[in-house]
């Protein structure tokens, strides 16, 4: 794994656990993409991975934010920034997407 992506994943995981709305989110890495997912109990008690938000490495320490549409496709948002900045954006504007559903 790319060292800058690994550092970003570690920092992202650390930041997500600091806030109630994002606590419990897991970070899945594939190439330059970090996907925030929740693992929920699906039919028959099997784990169901539910992707919520995706961060794409844009270079340097910058990441772009995408959200999963109801169609199953990812849509880029205008939000970009460092890991710290995009986590703050997610907490402030995307709580409904990342919160644990009862």
PDB file of N, CA and C in Angstrom:
ATOM      1  N   UNK A   1       0.852  -1.181   0.000  1.00  0.00           N
ATOM      2  CA  UNK A   1       0.000   0.000   0.000  1.00  0.00           C
ATOM      3  C   UNK A   1       0.896   1.242   0.000  1.00  0.00           C
ATOM      4  N   UNK A   2       0.477   2.231  -0.732  1.00  0.00           N
ATOM      5  CA  UNK A   2       1.171   3.523  -0.798  1.00  0.00           C
ATOM      6  C   UNK A   2       1.280   4.104   0.616  1.00  0.00           C
ATOM      7  N   UNK A   3       2.490   4.531   1.033  1.00  0.00           N
ATOM      8  CA  UNK A   3       2.656   5.054   2.401  1.00  0.00           C
ATOM      9  C   UNK A   3       1.761   6.255   2.715  1.00  0.00           C
ATOM     10  N   UNK A   4       1.528   7.150   1.753  1.00  0.00           N
ATOM     11  CA  UNK A   4       0.670   8.306   2.040  1.00  0.00           C
ATOM     12  C   UNK A   4      -0.790   7.878   2.209  1.00  0.00           C
ATOM     13  N   UNK A   5      -1.212   6.864   1.474  1.00  0.00           N
ATOM     14  CA  UNK A   5      -2.575   6.332   1.625  1.00  0.00           C
ATOM     15  C   UNK A   5      -2.695   5.625   2.975  1.00  0.00           C
ATOM     16  N   UNK A   6      -1.651   4.893   3.361  1.00  0.00           N
ATOM     17  CA  UNK A   6      -1.682   4.206   4.650  1.00  0.00           C
ATOM     18  C   UNK A   6      -1.765   5.203   5.803  1.00  0.00           C
ATOM     19  N   UNK A   7      -0.995   6.292   5.726  1.00  0.00           N
ATOM     20  CA  UNK A   7      -1.068   7.327   6.766  1.00  0.00           C
ATOM     21  C   UNK A   7      -2.447   7.965   6.795  1.00  0.00           C
ATOM     22  N   UNK A   8      -3.007   8.214   5.608  1.00  0.00           N
ATOM     23  CA  UNK A   8      -4.345   8.805   5.520  1.00  0.00           C
ATOM     24  C   UNK A   8      -5.382   7.868   6.132  1.00  0.00           C
ATOM     25  N   UNK A   9      -5.263   6.577   5.865  1.00  0.00           N
ATOM     26  CA  UNK A   9      -6.204   5.605   6.432  1.00  0.00           C
ATOM     27  C   UNK A   9      -6.110   5.598   7.952  1.00  0.00           C
ATOM     28  N   UNK A  10      -4.907   5.613   8.478  1.00  0.00           N
ATOM     29  CA  UNK A  10      -4.724   5.609   9.927  1.00  0.00           C
ATOM     30  C   UNK A  10      -5.303   6.872  10.558  1.00  0.00           C
ATOM     31  N   UNK A  11      -5.023   8.025   9.959  1.00  0.00           N
ATOM     32  CA  UNK A  11      -5.538   9.284  10.488  1.00  0.00           C
ATOM     33  C   UNK A  11      -7.065   9.330  10.390  1.00  0.00           C
ATOM     34  N   UNK A  12      -7.589   8.878   9.270  1.00  0.00           N
ATOM     35  CA  UNK A  12      -9.031   8.854   9.053  1.00  0.00           C
ATOM     36  C   UNK A  12      -9.715   7.980  10.106  1.00  0.00           C
ATOM     37  N   UNK A  13      -9.191   6.795  10.340  1.00  0.00           N
ATOM     38  CA  UNK A  13      -9.774   5.897  11.350  1.00  0.00           C
ATOM     39  C   UNK A  13      -9.751   6.542  12.729  1.00  0.00           C
ATOM     40  N   UNK A  14      -8.653   7.213  13.039  1.00  0.00           N
ATOM     41  CA  UNK A  14      -8.520   7.896  14.328  1.00  0.00           C
ATOM     42  C   UNK A  14      -9.562   9.007  14.474  1.00  0.00           C
ATOM     43  N   UNK A  15      -9.720   9.825  13.447  1.00  0.00           N
ATOM     44  CA  UNK A  15     -10.675  10.942  13.497  1.00  0.00           C
ATOM     45  C   UNK A  15     -12.119  10.460  13.571  1.00  0.00           C
ATOM     46  N   UNK A  16     -12.441   9.397  12.856  1.00  0.00           N
ATOM     47  CA  UNK A  16     -13.815   8.894  12.828  1.00  0.00           C
ATOM     48  C   UNK A  16     -14.267   8.421  14.202  1.00  0.00           C
ATOM     49  N   UNK A  17     -13.364   7.869  14.982  1.00  0.00           N
ATOM     50  CA  UNK A  17     -13.720   7.361  16.305  1.00  0.00           C
ATOM     51  C   UNK A  17     -13.902   8.473  17.337  1.00  0.00           C
ATOM     52  N   UNK A  18     -13.527   9.697  17.006  1.00  0.00           N
ATOM     53  CA  UNK A  18     -13.602  10.804  17.954  1.00  0.00           C
ATOM     54  C   UNK A  18     -14.977  11.461  18.019  1.00  0.00           C
ATOM     55  N   UNK A  19     -15.850  11.149  17.092  1.00  0.00           N
ATOM     56  CA  UNK A  19     -17.162  11.792  17.028  1.00  0.00           C
ATOM     57  C   UNK A  19     -18.255  10.733  17.000  1.00  0.00           C
ATOM     58  N   UNK A  20     -19.301  10.948  17.769  1.00  0.00           N
ATOM     59  CA  UNK A  20     -20.372   9.959  17.887  1.00  0.00           C
ATOM     60  C   UNK A  20     -20.991   9.601  16.534  1.00  0.00           C
ATOM     61  N   UNK A  21     -21.218  10.585  15.690  1.00  0.00           N
ATOM     62  CA  UNK A  21     -21.901  10.326  14.417  1.00  0.00           C
ATOM     63  C   UNK A  21     -21.063   9.461  13.470  1.00  0.00           C
ATOM     64  N   UNK A  22     -19.731   9.515  13.592  1.00  0.00           N
ATOM     65  CA  UNK A  22     -18.878   8.732  12.695  1.00  0.00           C
ATOM     66  C   UNK A  22     -18.246   7.518  13.371  1.00  0.00           C
ATOM     67  N   UNK A  23     -18.391   7.413  14.678  1.00  0.00           N
ATOM     68  CA  UNK A  23     -17.821   6.263  15.392  1.00  0.00           C
ATOM     69  C   UNK A  23     -18.400   4.970  14.837  1.00  0.00           C
ATOM     70  N   UNK A  24     -17.557   3.989  14.666  1.00  0.00           N
ATOM     71  CA  UNK A  24     -18.001   2.704  14.142  1.00  0.00           C
ATOM     72  C   UNK A  24     -17.849   2.564  12.643  1.00  0.00           C
ATOM     73  N   UNK A  25     -17.585   3.666  11.944  1.00  0.00           N
ATOM     74  CA  UNK A  25     -17.324   3.561  10.511  1.00  0.00           C
ATOM     75  C   UNK A  25     -15.973   2.883  10.305  1.00  0.00           C
ATOM     76  N   UNK A  26     -15.901   2.029   9.322  1.00  0.00           N
ATOM     77  CA  UNK A  26     -14.645   1.381   8.960  1.00  0.00           C
ATOM     78  C   UNK A  26     -14.123   1.992   7.669  1.00  0.00           C
ATOM     79  N   UNK A  27     -12.830   1.905   7.462  1.00  0.00           N
ATOM     80  CA  UNK A  27     -12.207   2.442   6.254  1.00  0.00           C
ATOM     81  C   UNK A  27     -11.698   1.282   5.418  1.00  0.00           C
ATOM     82  N   UNK A  28     -12.203   1.183   4.216  1.00  0.00           N
ATOM     83  CA  UNK A  28     -11.740   0.173   3.255  1.00  0.00           C
ATOM     84  C   UNK A  28     -10.893   0.897   2.213  1.00  0.00           C
ATOM     85  N   UNK A  29      -9.737   0.316   1.875  1.00  0.00           N
ATOM     86  CA  UNK A  29      -8.823   0.948   0.923  1.00  0.00           C
ATOM     87  C   UNK A  29      -8.716   0.093  -0.326  1.00  0.00           C
ATOM     88  N   UNK A  30      -8.825   0.772  -1.462  1.00  0.00           N
ATOM     89  CA  UNK A  30      -8.610   0.116  -2.754  1.00  0.00           C
ATOM     90  C   UNK A  30      -7.912   1.122  -3.652  1.00  0.00           C
ATOM     91  N   UNK A  31      -6.626   0.908  -3.863  1.00  0.00           N
ATOM     92  CA  UNK A  31      -5.847   1.851  -4.654  1.00  0.00           C
ATOM     93  C   UNK A  31      -5.782   3.198  -3.960  1.00  0.00           C
ATOM     94  N   UNK A  32      -6.267   4.240  -4.651  1.00  0.00           N
ATOM     95  CA  UNK A  32      -6.255   5.597  -4.117  1.00  0.00           C
ATOM     96  C   UNK A  32      -7.591   5.997  -3.505  1.00  0.00           C
ATOM     97  N   UNK A  33      -8.464   5.019  -3.283  1.00  0.00           N
ATOM     98  CA  UNK A  33      -9.806   5.306  -2.775  1.00  0.00           C
ATOM     99  C   UNK A  33      -9.975   4.731  -1.372  1.00  0.00           C
ATOM    100  N   UNK A  34     -10.451   5.581  -0.465  1.00  0.00           N
ATOM    101  CA  UNK A  34     -10.773   5.168   0.899  1.00  0.00           C
ATOM    102  C   UNK A  34     -12.286   5.267   1.040  1.00  0.00           C
ATOM    103  N   UNK A  35     -12.933   4.154   1.299  1.00  0.00           N
ATOM    104  CA  UNK A  35     -14.386   4.128   1.413  1.00  0.00           C
ATOM    105  C   UNK A  35     -14.784   3.947   2.872  1.00  0.00           C
ATOM    106  N   UNK A  36     -15.657   4.816   3.338  1.00  0.00           N
ATOM    107  CA  UNK A  36     -16.181   4.722   4.695  1.00  0.00           C
ATOM    108  C   UNK A  36     -17.406   3.830   4.648  1.00  0.00           C
ATOM    109  N   UNK A  37     -17.383   2.751   5.429  1.00  0.00           N
ATOM    110  CA  UNK A  37     -18.472   1.773   5.413  1.00  0.00           C
ATOM    111  C   UNK A  37     -18.947   1.490   6.827  1.00  0.00           C
ATOM    112  N   UNK A  38     -20.163   1.048   6.924  1.00  0.00           N
ATOM    113  CA  UNK A  38     -20.696   0.486   8.163  1.00  0.00           C
ATOM    114  C   UNK A  38     -20.989  -0.973   7.880  1.00  0.00           C
ATOM    115  N   UNK A  39     -20.680  -1.812   8.839  1.00  0.00           N
ATOM    116  CA  UNK A  39     -21.004  -3.227   8.721  1.00  0.00           C
ATOM    117  C   UNK A  39     -22.216  -3.467   9.608  1.00  0.00           C
ATOM    118  N   UNK A  40     -23.295  -3.888   8.978  1.00  0.00           N
ATOM    119  CA  UNK A  40     -24.547  -4.116   9.685  1.00  0.00           C
ATOM    120  C   UNK A  40     -24.930  -5.583   9.560  1.00  0.00           C
ATOM    121  N   UNK A  41     -25.865  -6.007  10.362  1.00  0.00           N
ATOM    122  CA  UNK A  41     -26.336  -7.384  10.290  1.00  0.00           C
ATOM    123  C   UNK A  41     -27.393  -7.482   9.204  1.00  0.00           C
ATOM    124  N   UNK A  42     -27.132  -8.320   8.234  1.00  0.00           N
ATOM    125  CA  UNK A  42     -28.051  -8.500   7.121  1.00  0.00           C
ATOM    126  C   UNK A  42     -28.956  -9.698   7.336  1.00  0.00           C
ATOM    127  N   UNK A  43     -29.640 -10.114   6.282  1.00  0.00           N
ATOM    128  CA  UNK A  43     -30.540 -11.272   6.372  1.00  0.00           C
ATOM    129  C   UNK A  43     -29.790 -12.517   6.848  1.00  0.00           C
ATOM    130  N   UNK A  44     -30.410 -13.262   7.731  1.00  0.00           N
ATOM    131  CA  UNK A  44     -29.793 -14.476   8.249  1.00  0.00           C
ATOM    132  C   UNK A  44     -28.637 -14.220   9.185  1.00  0.00           C
ATOM    133  N   UNK A  45     -28.496 -12.959   9.653  1.00  0.00           N
ATOM    134  CA  UNK A  45     -27.425 -12.639  10.581  1.00  0.00           C
ATOM    135  C   UNK A  45     -26.071 -12.458   9.935  1.00  0.00           C
ATOM    136  N   UNK A  46     -26.036 -12.473   8.602  1.00  0.00           N
ATOM    137  CA  UNK A  46     -24.763 -12.308   7.899  1.00  0.00           C
ATOM    138  C   UNK A  46     -24.365 -10.832   7.864  1.00  0.00           C
ATOM    139  N   UNK A  47     -23.063 -10.542   7.931  1.00  0.00           N
ATOM    140  CA  UNK A  47     -22.611  -9.144   7.860  1.00  0.00           C
ATOM    141  C   UNK A  47     -22.928  -8.543   6.494  1.00  0.00           C
ATOM    142  N   UNK A  48     -23.391  -7.320   6.513  1.00  0.00           N
ATOM    143  CA  UNK A  48     -23.737  -6.588   5.301  1.00  0.00           C
ATOM    144  C   UNK A  48     -22.922  -5.299   5.290  1.00  0.00           C
ATOM    145  N   UNK A  49     -22.027  -5.157   4.328  1.00  0.00           N
ATOM    146  CA  UNK A  49     -21.178  -3.973   4.236  1.00  0.00           C
ATOM    147  C   UNK A  49     -21.944  -2.883   3.498  1.00  0.00           C
ATOM    148  N   UNK A  50     -22.093  -1.744   4.158  1.00  0.00           N
ATOM    149  CA  UNK A  50     -22.884  -0.630   3.636  1.00  0.00           C
ATOM    150  C   UNK A  50     -21.976   0.578   3.400  1.00  0.00           C
ATOM    151  N   UNK A  51     -21.526   0.806   2.141  1.00  0.00           N
ATOM    152  CA  UNK A  51     -20.668   1.970   1.871  1.00  0.00           C
ATOM    153  C   UNK A  51     -21.452   3.264   2.034  1.00  0.00           C
ATOM    154  N   UNK A  52     -20.802   4.280   2.612  1.00  0.00           N
ATOM    155  CA  UNK A  52     -21.479   5.545   2.876  1.00  0.00           C
ATOM    156  C   UNK A  52     -20.863   6.716   2.117  1.00  0.00           C
ATOM    157  N   UNK A  53     -19.537   6.888   2.233  1.00  0.00           N
ATOM    158  CA  UNK A  53     -18.837   8.025   1.620  1.00  0.00           C
ATOM    159  C   UNK A  53     -17.494   7.521   1.112  1.00  0.00           C
ATOM    160  N   UNK A  54     -17.034   8.129   0.036  1.00  0.00           N
ATOM    161  CA  UNK A  54     -15.766   7.723  -0.550  1.00  0.00           C
ATOM    162  C   UNK A  54     -14.836   8.922  -0.666  1.00  0.00           C
ATOM    163  N   UNK A  55     -13.572   8.712  -0.310  1.00  0.00           N
ATOM    164  CA  UNK A  55     -12.541   9.744  -0.443  1.00  0.00           C
ATOM    165  C   UNK A  55     -11.540   9.281  -1.489  1.00  0.00           C
ATOM    166  N   UNK A  56     -11.276  10.127  -2.459  1.00  0.00           N
ATOM    167  CA  UNK A  56     -10.337   9.801  -3.523  1.00  0.00           C
ATOM    168  C   UNK A  56      -9.100  10.670  -3.388  1.00  0.00           C
ATOM    169  N   UNK A  57      -7.930  10.043  -3.360  1.00  0.00           N
ATOM    170  CA  UNK A  57      -6.669  10.776  -3.234  1.00  0.00           C
ATOM    171  C   UNK A  57      -6.433  11.580  -4.511  1.00  0.00           C
ATOM    172  N   UNK A  58      -6.287  12.883  -4.350  1.00  0.00           N
ATOM    173  CA  UNK A  58      -6.094  13.782  -5.490  1.00  0.00           C
ATOM    174  C   UNK A  58      -4.630  14.147  -5.700  1.00  0.00           C
ATOM    175  N   UNK A  59      -3.783  13.734  -4.780  1.00  0.00           N
ATOM    176  CA  UNK A  59      -2.363  14.073  -4.835  1.00  0.00           C
ATOM    177  C   UNK A  59      -1.979  14.855  -3.595  1.00  0.00           C
ATOM    178  N   UNK A  60      -0.731  14.727  -3.207  1.00  0.00           N
ATOM    179  CA  UNK A  60      -0.273  15.400  -2.006  1.00  0.00           C
ATOM    180  C   UNK A  60      -1.079  14.931  -0.816  1.00  0.00           C
ATOM    181  N   UNK A  61      -1.612  15.882  -0.055  1.00  0.00           N
ATOM    182  CA  UNK A  61      -2.441  15.521   1.104  1.00  0.00           C
ATOM    183  C   UNK A  61      -3.915  15.828   0.858  1.00  0.00           C
ATOM    184  N   UNK A  62      -4.316  15.971  -0.414  1.00  0.00           N
ATOM    185  CA  UNK A  62      -5.693  16.353  -0.771  1.00  0.00           C
ATOM    186  C   UNK A  62      -6.536  15.150  -1.173  1.00  0.00           C
ATOM    187  N   UNK A  63      -7.809  15.214  -0.731  1.00  0.00           N
ATOM    188  CA  UNK A  63      -8.777  14.167  -1.054  1.00  0.00           C
ATOM    189  C   UNK A  63     -10.079  14.807  -1.501  1.00  0.00           C
ATOM    190  N   UNK A  64     -10.757  14.151  -2.422  1.00  0.00           N
ATOM    191  CA  UNK A  64     -12.071  14.583  -2.860  1.00  0.00           C
ATOM    192  C   UNK A  64     -13.126  13.672  -2.250  1.00  0.00           C
ATOM    193  N   UNK A  65     -14.311  14.213  -2.014  1.00  0.00           N
ATOM    194  CA  UNK A  65     -15.399  13.474  -1.366  1.00  0.00           C
ATOM    195  C   UNK A  65     -16.468  13.126  -2.399  1.00  0.00           C
ATOM    196  N   UNK A  66     -16.883  11.851  -2.386  1.00  0.00           N
ATOM    197  CA  UNK A  66     -17.990  11.392  -3.227  1.00  0.00           C
ATOM    198  C   UNK A  66     -19.022  10.715  -2.343  1.00  0.00           C
ATOM    199  N   UNK A  67     -20.283  10.755  -2.781  1.00  0.00           N
ATOM    200  CA  UNK A  67     -21.364  10.106  -2.040  1.00  0.00           C
ATOM    201  C   UNK A  67     -22.045   9.075  -2.941  1.00  0.00           C
ATOM    202  N   UNK A  68     -22.564   8.048  -2.319  1.00  0.00           N
ATOM    203  CA  UNK A  68     -23.245   6.989  -3.050  1.00  0.00           C
ATOM    204  C   UNK A  68     -24.686   7.399  -3.322  1.00  0.00           C
ATOM    205  N   UNK A  69     -25.061   7.406  -4.578  1.00  0.00           N
ATOM    206  CA  UNK A  69     -26.434   7.755  -4.961  1.00  0.00           C
ATOM    207  C   UNK A  69     -27.348   6.538  -4.835  1.00  0.00           C
ATOM    208  N   UNK A  70     -28.629   6.773  -4.868  1.00  0.00           N
ATOM    209  CA  UNK A  70     -29.608   5.686  -4.785  1.00  0.00           C
ATOM    210  C   UNK A  70     -29.507   4.735  -5.969  1.00  0.00           C
ATOM    211  N   UNK A  71     -28.879   5.182  -7.051  1.00  0.00           N
ATOM    212  CA  UNK A  71     -28.708   4.352  -8.248  1.00  0.00           C
ATOM    213  C   UNK A  71     -27.537   3.381  -8.111  1.00  0.00           C
ATOM    214  N   UNK A  72     -26.743   3.558  -7.051  1.00  0.00           N
ATOM    215  CA  UNK A  72     -25.581   2.706  -6.849  1.00  0.00           C
ATOM    216  C   UNK A  72     -24.300   3.275  -7.438  1.00  0.00           C
ATOM    217  N   UNK A  73     -24.386   4.476  -8.013  1.00  0.00           N
ATOM    218  CA  UNK A  73     -23.196   5.118  -8.566  1.00  0.00           C
ATOM    219  C   UNK A  73     -22.675   6.179  -7.596  1.00  0.00           C
ATOM    220  N   UNK A  74     -21.383   6.445  -7.684  1.00  0.00           N
ATOM    221  CA  UNK A  74     -20.767   7.459  -6.837  1.00  0.00           C
ATOM    222  C   UNK A  74     -20.820   8.803  -7.535  1.00  0.00           C
ATOM    223  N   UNK A  75     -21.185   9.834  -6.787  1.00  0.00           N
ATOM    224  CA  UNK A  75     -21.247  11.187  -7.324  1.00  0.00           C
ATOM    225  C   UNK A  75     -20.254  12.070  -6.577  1.00  0.00           C
ATOM    226  N   UNK A  76     -19.384  12.720  -7.349  1.00  0.00           N
ATOM    227  CA  UNK A  76     -18.422  13.629  -6.733  1.00  0.00           C
ATOM    228  C   UNK A  76     -19.140  14.843  -6.166  1.00  0.00           C
ATOM    229  N   UNK A  77     -18.648  15.307  -5.044  1.00  0.00           N
ATOM    230  CA  UNK A  77     -19.152  16.545  -4.457  1.00  0.00           C
ATOM    231  C   UNK A  77     -18.105  17.629  -4.711  1.00  0.00           C
ATOM    232  N   UNK A  78     -18.417  18.875  -4.429  1.00  0.00           N
ATOM    233  CA  UNK A  78     -17.407  19.935  -4.604  1.00  0.00           C
ATOM    234  C   UNK A  78     -16.402  19.988  -3.462  1.00  0.00           C
ATOM    235  N   UNK A  79     -16.530  19.100  -2.478  1.00  0.00           N
ATOM    236  CA  UNK A  79     -15.687  19.160  -1.290  1.00  0.00           C
ATOM    237  C   UNK A  79     -14.354  18.459  -1.502  1.00  0.00           C
ATOM    238  N   UNK A  80     -13.277  19.152  -1.167  1.00  0.00           N
ATOM    239  CA  UNK A  80     -11.936  18.583  -1.182  1.00  0.00           C
ATOM    240  C   UNK A  80     -11.171  19.136   0.012  1.00  0.00           C
ATOM    241  N   UNK A  81     -10.103  18.454   0.381  1.00  0.00           N
ATOM    242  CA  UNK A  81      -9.267  18.945   1.463  1.00  0.00           C
ATOM    243  C   UNK A  81      -8.381  17.856   2.022  1.00  0.00           C
ATOM    244  N   UNK A  82      -7.715  18.179   3.109  1.00  0.00           N
ATOM    245  CA  UNK A  82      -6.919  17.189   3.821  1.00  0.00           C
ATOM    246  C   UNK A  82      -7.864  16.222   4.512  1.00  0.00           C
ATOM    247  N   UNK A  83      -7.321  15.145   5.050  1.00  0.00           N
ATOM    248  CA  UNK A  83      -8.160  14.196   5.783  1.00  0.00           C
ATOM    249  C   UNK A  83      -8.899  14.897   6.911  1.00  0.00           C
ATOM    250  N   UNK A  84      -8.191  15.729   7.671  1.00  0.00           N
ATOM    251  CA  UNK A  84      -8.837  16.453   8.769  1.00  0.00           C
ATOM    252  C   UNK A  84      -9.978  17.341   8.259  1.00  0.00           C
ATOM    253  N   UNK A  85      -9.742  18.028   7.147  1.00  0.00           N
ATOM    254  CA  UNK A  85     -10.765  18.927   6.597  1.00  0.00           C
ATOM    255  C   UNK A  85     -11.970  18.163   6.072  1.00  0.00           C
ATOM    256  N   UNK A  86     -11.744  17.062   5.348  1.00  0.00           N
ATOM    257  CA  UNK A  86     -12.896  16.348   4.791  1.00  0.00           C
ATOM    258  C   UNK A  86     -13.696  15.633   5.880  1.00  0.00           C
ATOM    259  N   UNK A  87     -13.044  15.185   6.941  1.00  0.00           N
ATOM    260  CA  UNK A  87     -13.799  14.598   8.050  1.00  0.00           C
ATOM    261  C   UNK A  87     -14.692  15.662   8.684  1.00  0.00           C
ATOM    262  N   UNK A  88     -14.178  16.861   8.853  1.00  0.00           N
ATOM    263  CA  UNK A  88     -14.994  17.948   9.409  1.00  0.00           C
ATOM    264  C   UNK A  88     -16.182  18.258   8.487  1.00  0.00           C
ATOM    265  N   UNK A  89     -15.950  18.252   7.188  1.00  0.00           N
ATOM    266  CA  UNK A  89     -17.034  18.476   6.213  1.00  0.00           C
ATOM    267  C   UNK A  89     -18.086  17.380   6.343  1.00  0.00           C
ATOM    268  N   UNK A  90     -17.642  16.132   6.437  1.00  0.00           N
ATOM    269  CA  UNK A  90     -18.571  15.009   6.565  1.00  0.00           C
ATOM    270  C   UNK A  90     -19.404  15.147   7.836  1.00  0.00           C
ATOM    271  N   UNK A  91     -18.753  15.490   8.929  1.00  0.00           N
ATOM    272  CA  UNK A  91     -19.465  15.642  10.209  1.00  0.00           C
ATOM    273  C   UNK A  91     -20.482  16.776  10.145  1.00  0.00           C
ATOM    274  N   UNK A  92     -20.114  17.875   9.493  1.00  0.00           N
ATOM    275  CA  UNK A  92     -20.988  19.050   9.468  1.00  0.00           C
ATOM    276  C   UNK A  92     -22.097  18.965   8.433  1.00  0.00           C
ATOM    277  N   UNK A  93     -21.858  18.316   7.300  1.00  0.00           N
ATOM    278  CA  UNK A  93     -22.847  18.369   6.212  1.00  0.00           C
ATOM    279  C   UNK A  93     -23.411  17.023   5.772  1.00  0.00           C
ATOM    280  N   UNK A  94     -22.825  15.920   6.240  1.00  0.00           N
ATOM    281  CA  UNK A  94     -23.256  14.610   5.742  1.00  0.00           C
ATOM    282  C   UNK A  94     -23.618  13.642   6.857  1.00  0.00           C
ATOM    283  N   UNK A  95     -24.038  14.184   7.993  1.00  0.00           N
ATOM    284  CA  UNK A  95     -24.385  13.323   9.127  1.00  0.00           C
ATOM    285  C   UNK A  95     -25.420  12.274   8.743  1.00  0.00           C
ATOM    286  N   UNK A  96     -26.384  12.673   7.936  1.00  0.00           N
ATOM    287  CA  UNK A  96     -27.456  11.757   7.545  1.00  0.00           C
ATOM    288  C   UNK A  96     -26.939  10.587   6.719  1.00  0.00           C
ATOM    289  N   UNK A  97     -25.781  10.732   6.111  1.00  0.00           N
ATOM    290  CA  UNK A  97     -25.223   9.658   5.292  1.00  0.00           C
ATOM    291  C   UNK A  97     -24.354   8.691   6.086  1.00  0.00           C
ATOM    292  N   UNK A  98     -23.711   9.190   7.135  1.00  0.00           N
ATOM    293  CA  UNK A  98     -22.737   8.366   7.849  1.00  0.00           C
ATOM    294  C   UNK A  98     -23.216   7.853   9.205  1.00  0.00           C
ATOM    295  N   UNK A  99     -24.293   8.424   9.724  1.00  0.00           N
ATOM    296  CA  UNK A  99     -24.777   8.025  11.053  1.00  0.00           C
ATOM    297  C   UNK A  99     -25.222   6.567  11.030  1.00  0.00           C
ATOM    298  N   UNK A 100     -25.116   5.935  12.196  1.00  0.00           N
ATOM    299  CA  UNK A 100     -25.586   4.560  12.362  1.00  0.00           C
ATOM    300  C   UNK A 100     -27.109   4.586  12.396  1.00  0.00           C
ATOM    301  N   UNK A 101     -27.737   3.799  11.554  1.00  0.00           N
ATOM    302  CA  UNK A 101     -29.203   3.781  11.507  1.00  0.00           C
ATOM    303  C   UNK A 101     -29.730   2.826  12.564  1.00  0.00           C
ATOM    304  N   UNK A 102     -30.750   3.257  13.282  1.00  0.00           N
ATOM    305  CA  UNK A 102     -31.302   2.388  14.337  1.00  0.00           C
ATOM    306  C   UNK A 102     -32.026   1.185  13.765  1.00  0.00           C
TER     307      UNK A 102
END
